[in-house]
Amino acid sequence: MSSPRPYFRQLLSGRDFATADPLAQSMANNVYLVGDLDARECLIVDPAYAIDDIIAVAERDEMTITGVLVSHYHADHIGGSMMGHTIEGLSTLLESVDVPLHANKSEVPWITRTTGIDATQITAHEGGDEVRIGSFTINLVHTPGHTPGSQCFHFHGALISGDTLFLDGCGRTDLPGSDAELMYHSLQTIARLPDETVVFPGHRYSEHPYGDLKTIKQHNHVFRPTSVDQWMQWFGSN
């Protein structure tokens, strides 16, 4: 019996979709499609900017969209108002596909305020919950710090890390709902994953689009503090 085949697409805003949108180009968001090639089903991670473009990628690959994974509430990841711009996102997606939205329970009120979506349309999760897609399981890793309900997605040896961890640096902790001390603990949670885990961040803020966790821990300055007190001295005013 053959092994199930994972489906994984990393799409860069302003290049792979929303190509005429200057904001999408400057923000360099990554949107992901993850799923099961044999079941022809996939989930979208953080759809924003040009929803029809993202749906079209799945359709060209002959994949059916069956849900959405939300890393956190910021408008450049799920739509809403930001810096005087209105960004397409979850509300537009739901007009085309009627699918569940998976978010951490601590993020739900923030998502509703950002998008106008009713809380009843969101499936609220605890950290450690799993979402099934075909033959695969996606583990939801609660990583508060950037926002209260920030979460990463562990899928088939890959970690989609949202704005919790970039290849260089981590998400800001001076925004509404941020908490610098919680960010330290969340980064330690990620650091305990297998070294061969491949990290796929929420933004393309580095030369490479992804990297293995072992190398990131060696070179990313956010892993240099060895205690929460040291972290707060370095990053507490971030």
Protein backbone atom coordinates (compact mmCIF):
# COMPACT_ATOMS: atom_id res chain seq x y z
CA MET A 1 0.00 0.00 0.00
CA SER A 2 1.47 3.35 -1.01
CA SER A 3 1.98 6.15 1.50
CA PRO A 4 -0.34 9.18 1.38
CA ARG A 5 1.04 12.10 -0.59
CA PRO A 6 1.10 15.54 1.03
CA TYR A 7 0.12 18.67 -0.88
CA PHE A 8 2.01 21.85 0.02
CA ARG A 9 2.17 25.23 -1.72
CA GLN A 10 3.89 28.37 -0.46
CA LEU A 11 2.53 31.49 -2.20
CA LEU A 12 4.14 34.93 -1.86
CA SER A 13 1.88 37.97 -1.99
CA GLY A 14 2.67 40.39 -4.80
CA ARG A 15 4.47 37.66 -6.75
CA ASP A 16 2.31 34.52 -6.84
CA PHE A 17 -1.00 36.30 -6.24
CA ALA A 18 -2.21 39.91 -5.88
CA THR A 19 0.54 40.81 -8.35
CA ALA A 20 -0.81 44.31 -9.03
CA ASP A 21 -1.26 45.23 -5.36
CA PRO A 22 1.57 47.45 -4.02
CA LEU A 23 0.63 46.69 -0.40
CA ALA A 24 0.75 42.96 -1.03
CA GLN A 25 4.15 43.39 -2.62
CA SER A 26 5.56 45.44 0.24
CA MET A 27 4.15 43.24 3.03
CA ALA A 28 5.52 40.01 1.48
CA ASN A 29 2.99 37.73 3.15
CA ASN A 30 3.13 33.99 2.64
CA VAL A 31 -0.11 32.11 2.13
CA TYR A 32 -0.05 28.31 2.26
CA LEU A 33 -2.12 25.52 0.77
CA VAL A 34 -1.69 22.22 2.62
CA GLY A 35 -3.49 18.95 2.17
CA ASP A 36 -3.68 15.45 0.75
CA LEU A 37 -3.00 14.86 -2.95
CA ASP A 38 -4.84 11.56 -2.98
CA ALA A 39 -7.96 12.96 -1.32
CA ARG A 40 -7.66 16.13 -3.47
CA GLU A 41 -8.44 18.25 -0.39
CA CYS A 42 -6.57 21.21 1.07
CA LEU A 43 -6.69 23.92 3.72
CA ILE A 44 -5.67 27.55 3.19
CA VAL A 45 -3.41 29.15 5.77
CA ASP A 46 -4.00 32.90 6.22
CA PRO A 47 -5.84 33.90 3.02
CA ALA A 48 -5.57 37.63 2.28
CA TYR A 49 -5.23 40.28 -0.47
CA ALA A 50 -6.58 38.48 -3.56
CA ILE A 51 -8.89 35.64 -2.59
CA ASP A 52 -9.88 34.70 -6.14
CA ASP A 53 -6.20 34.32 -7.04
CA ILE A 54 -5.62 31.94 -4.12
CA ILE A 55 -8.72 29.89 -4.91
CA ALA A 56 -7.57 29.69 -8.54
CA VAL A 57 -4.27 28.09 -7.49
CA ALA A 58 -6.13 25.32 -5.68
CA GLU A 59 -8.49 24.86 -8.63
CA ARG A 60 -5.60 24.60 -11.12
CA ASP A 61 -4.11 21.91 -8.91
CA GLU A 62 -7.51 20.17 -8.85
CA MET A 63 -7.74 20.54 -5.08
CA THR A 64 -10.94 21.16 -3.12
CA ILE A 65 -10.67 23.74 -0.34
CA THR A 66 -12.17 22.27 2.83
CA GLY A 67 -11.12 24.77 5.50
CA VAL A 68 -8.93 27.64 6.66
CA LEU A 69 -6.19 27.74 9.28
CA VAL A 70 -5.78 31.15 10.94
CA SER A 71 -2.39 31.93 12.48
CA HIS A 72 -3.51 35.24 14.04
CA TYR A 73 -5.89 38.16 13.64
CA HIS A 74 -3.80 40.79 11.83
CA ALA A 75 -5.44 42.09 8.66
CA ASP A 76 -2.53 41.21 6.38
CA HIS A 77 -3.21 37.56 7.22
CA ILE A 78 -7.02 37.36 7.29
CA GLY A 79 -8.29 40.61 5.80
CA GLY A 80 -9.67 43.79 7.31
CA SER A 81 -8.50 47.37 7.68
CA MET A 82 -4.79 48.20 8.00
CA MET A 83 -2.88 51.45 7.49
CA GLY A 84 -5.80 53.02 5.65
CA HIS A 85 -6.16 50.03 3.31
CA THR A 86 -8.97 47.49 3.18
CA ILE A 87 -7.59 44.01 2.58
CA GLU A 88 -9.62 41.10 1.26
CA GLY A 89 -9.66 38.06 3.48
CA LEU A 90 -11.87 35.60 5.31
CA SER A 91 -15.19 37.35 4.71
CA THR A 92 -14.56 37.38 0.95
CA LEU A 93 -13.44 33.75 0.98
CA LEU A 94 -16.63 32.65 2.73
CA GLU A 95 -18.67 34.15 -0.09
CA SER A 96 -17.06 31.60 -2.44
CA VAL A 97 -16.55 28.55 -0.25
CA ASP A 98 -18.49 27.51 2.86
CA VAL A 99 -15.73 26.04 4.99
CA PRO A 100 -14.75 26.01 8.69
CA LEU A 101 -12.27 28.58 10.01
CA HIS A 102 -9.86 27.10 12.55
CA ALA A 103 -8.41 29.55 15.10
CA ASN A 104 -7.15 29.47 18.66
CA LYS A 105 -9.90 30.31 21.12
CA SER A 106 -7.95 33.30 22.49
CA GLU A 107 -7.89 34.84 19.02
CA VAL A 108 -11.61 34.58 18.24
CA PRO A 109 -12.72 38.01 19.62
CA TRP A 110 -9.84 39.70 17.82
CA ILE A 111 -10.74 38.00 14.53
CA THR A 112 -14.36 39.06 14.79
CA ARG A 113 -13.36 42.70 15.38
CA THR A 114 -10.88 42.67 12.49
CA THR A 115 -13.05 40.93 9.89
CA GLY A 116 -16.66 41.41 10.99
CA ILE A 117 -17.16 37.64 10.88
CA ASP A 118 -19.45 36.28 13.57
CA ALA A 119 -17.82 34.10 16.23
CA THR A 120 -20.21 31.27 15.36
CA GLN A 121 -18.44 30.92 12.01
CA ILE A 122 -15.11 30.17 13.72
CA THR A 123 -14.08 26.79 15.11
CA ALA A 124 -12.24 27.66 18.33
CA HIS A 125 -9.35 25.41 19.32
CA GLU A 126 -7.06 24.75 22.25
CA GLY A 127 -3.33 24.43 21.73
CA GLY A 128 -2.53 20.81 20.93
CA ASP A 129 -5.74 20.22 18.99
CA GLU A 130 -5.50 18.48 15.64
CA VAL A 131 -7.18 19.20 12.31
CA ARG A 132 -7.52 16.35 9.83
CA ILE A 133 -7.08 16.81 6.09
CA GLY A 134 -7.39 13.60 4.14
CA SER A 135 -4.93 11.11 5.61
CA PHE A 136 -2.89 13.81 7.34
CA THR A 137 -3.04 15.43 10.76
CA ILE A 138 -2.13 19.06 11.38
CA ASN A 139 -1.14 19.85 14.96
CA LEU A 140 -2.13 23.30 16.23
CA VAL A 141 0.69 24.76 18.33
CA HIS A 142 -0.44 27.68 20.50
CA THR A 143 2.35 30.29 20.44
CA PRO A 144 1.09 33.49 22.14
CA GLY A 145 3.26 36.58 22.20
CA HIS A 146 2.74 38.35 18.91
CA THR A 147 -1.00 38.08 19.62
CA PRO A 148 -2.90 36.21 22.38
CA GLY A 149 -4.02 33.36 20.14
CA SER A 150 -1.16 33.12 17.69
CA GLN A 151 -0.69 29.56 16.53
CA CYS A 152 1.67 27.59 14.32
CA PHE A 153 0.82 24.54 12.24
CA HIS A 154 2.92 21.36 12.37
CA PHE A 155 2.30 19.37 9.20
CA HIS A 156 4.31 16.42 7.85
CA GLY A 157 7.68 17.65 9.16
CA ALA A 158 7.00 21.31 8.38
CA LEU A 159 6.09 24.14 10.74
CA ILE A 160 4.08 27.02 9.31
CA SER A 161 5.07 29.58 11.91
CA GLY A 162 2.93 32.62 11.09
CA ASP A 163 4.37 35.74 12.69
CA THR A 164 5.73 33.92 15.73
CA LEU A 165 9.06 32.98 14.15
CA PHE A 166 10.79 34.23 11.02
CA LEU A 167 14.03 32.87 9.64
CA ASP A 168 15.61 36.05 11.04
CA GLY A 169 13.87 37.50 14.09
CA CYS A 170 10.35 37.01 15.39
CA GLY A 171 7.02 38.82 15.43
CA ARG A 172 6.64 42.18 17.12
CA THR A 173 5.56 42.30 20.76
CA ASP A 174 4.55 45.98 20.97
CA LEU A 175 1.16 45.67 19.26
CA PRO A 176 -2.34 45.31 20.76
CA GLY A 177 -2.57 41.92 22.42
CA SER A 178 1.19 41.32 22.31
CA ASP A 179 3.18 39.98 25.27
CA ALA A 180 6.97 39.85 25.19
CA GLU A 181 7.31 37.30 27.99
CA LEU A 182 4.85 34.92 26.36
CA MET A 183 6.81 35.25 23.12
CA TYR A 184 9.92 33.92 24.87
CA HIS A 185 8.06 30.83 26.05
CA SER A 186 6.50 30.29 22.63
CA LEU A 187 9.90 30.39 20.96
CA GLN A 188 11.13 27.81 23.45
CA THR A 189 8.16 25.62 22.51
CA ILE A 190 9.22 25.80 18.87
CA ALA A 191 12.87 25.18 19.79
CA ARG A 192 11.91 21.82 21.28
CA LEU A 193 10.63 20.52 17.95
CA PRO A 194 12.94 18.19 15.98
CA ASP A 195 15.96 19.98 14.47
CA GLU A 196 15.02 18.76 10.99
CA THR A 197 11.68 20.55 11.13
CA VAL A 198 11.39 22.89 8.14
CA VAL A 199 10.09 26.34 9.14
CA PHE A 200 7.84 28.24 6.73
CA PRO A 201 7.22 31.78 8.06
CA GLY A 202 4.28 34.13 7.60
CA HIS A 203 6.40 36.70 5.74
CA ARG A 204 9.34 36.58 3.35
CA TYR A 205 11.65 38.77 5.45
CA SER A 206 14.85 36.92 4.56
CA GLU A 207 16.78 35.79 1.51
CA HIS A 208 15.49 32.24 1.71
CA PRO A 209 11.77 31.34 1.79
CA TYR A 210 12.17 28.61 4.43
CA GLY A 211 14.83 26.93 6.54
CA ASP A 212 15.49 24.04 8.90
CA LEU A 213 15.01 24.67 12.60
CA LYS A 214 18.54 23.59 13.55
CA THR A 215 20.08 26.30 11.37
CA ILE A 216 17.56 28.90 12.50
CA LYS A 217 18.35 28.22 16.16
CA GLN A 218 22.04 28.62 15.44
CA HIS A 219 21.78 31.95 13.62
CA ASN A 220 18.57 33.70 14.69
CA HIS A 221 19.30 36.16 17.51
CA VAL A 222 15.95 35.50 19.21
CA PHE A 223 17.30 32.17 20.44
CA ARG A 224 20.36 33.67 22.14
CA PRO A 225 18.75 34.53 25.51
CA THR A 226 18.96 31.54 27.85
CA SER A 227 16.38 32.72 30.39
CA VAL A 228 13.19 34.74 30.42
CA ASP A 229 14.94 37.46 32.48
CA GLN A 230 17.64 37.81 29.85
CA TRP A 231 15.04 37.83 27.11
CA MET A 232 13.09 40.63 28.79
CA GLN A 233 16.28 42.68 29.15
CA TRP A 234 16.93 42.38 25.42
CA PHE A 235 13.43 42.31 23.94
CA GLY A 236 11.02 43.47 26.64
CA SER A 237 10.74 46.97 25.15
CA ASN A 238 10.41 45.68 21.55
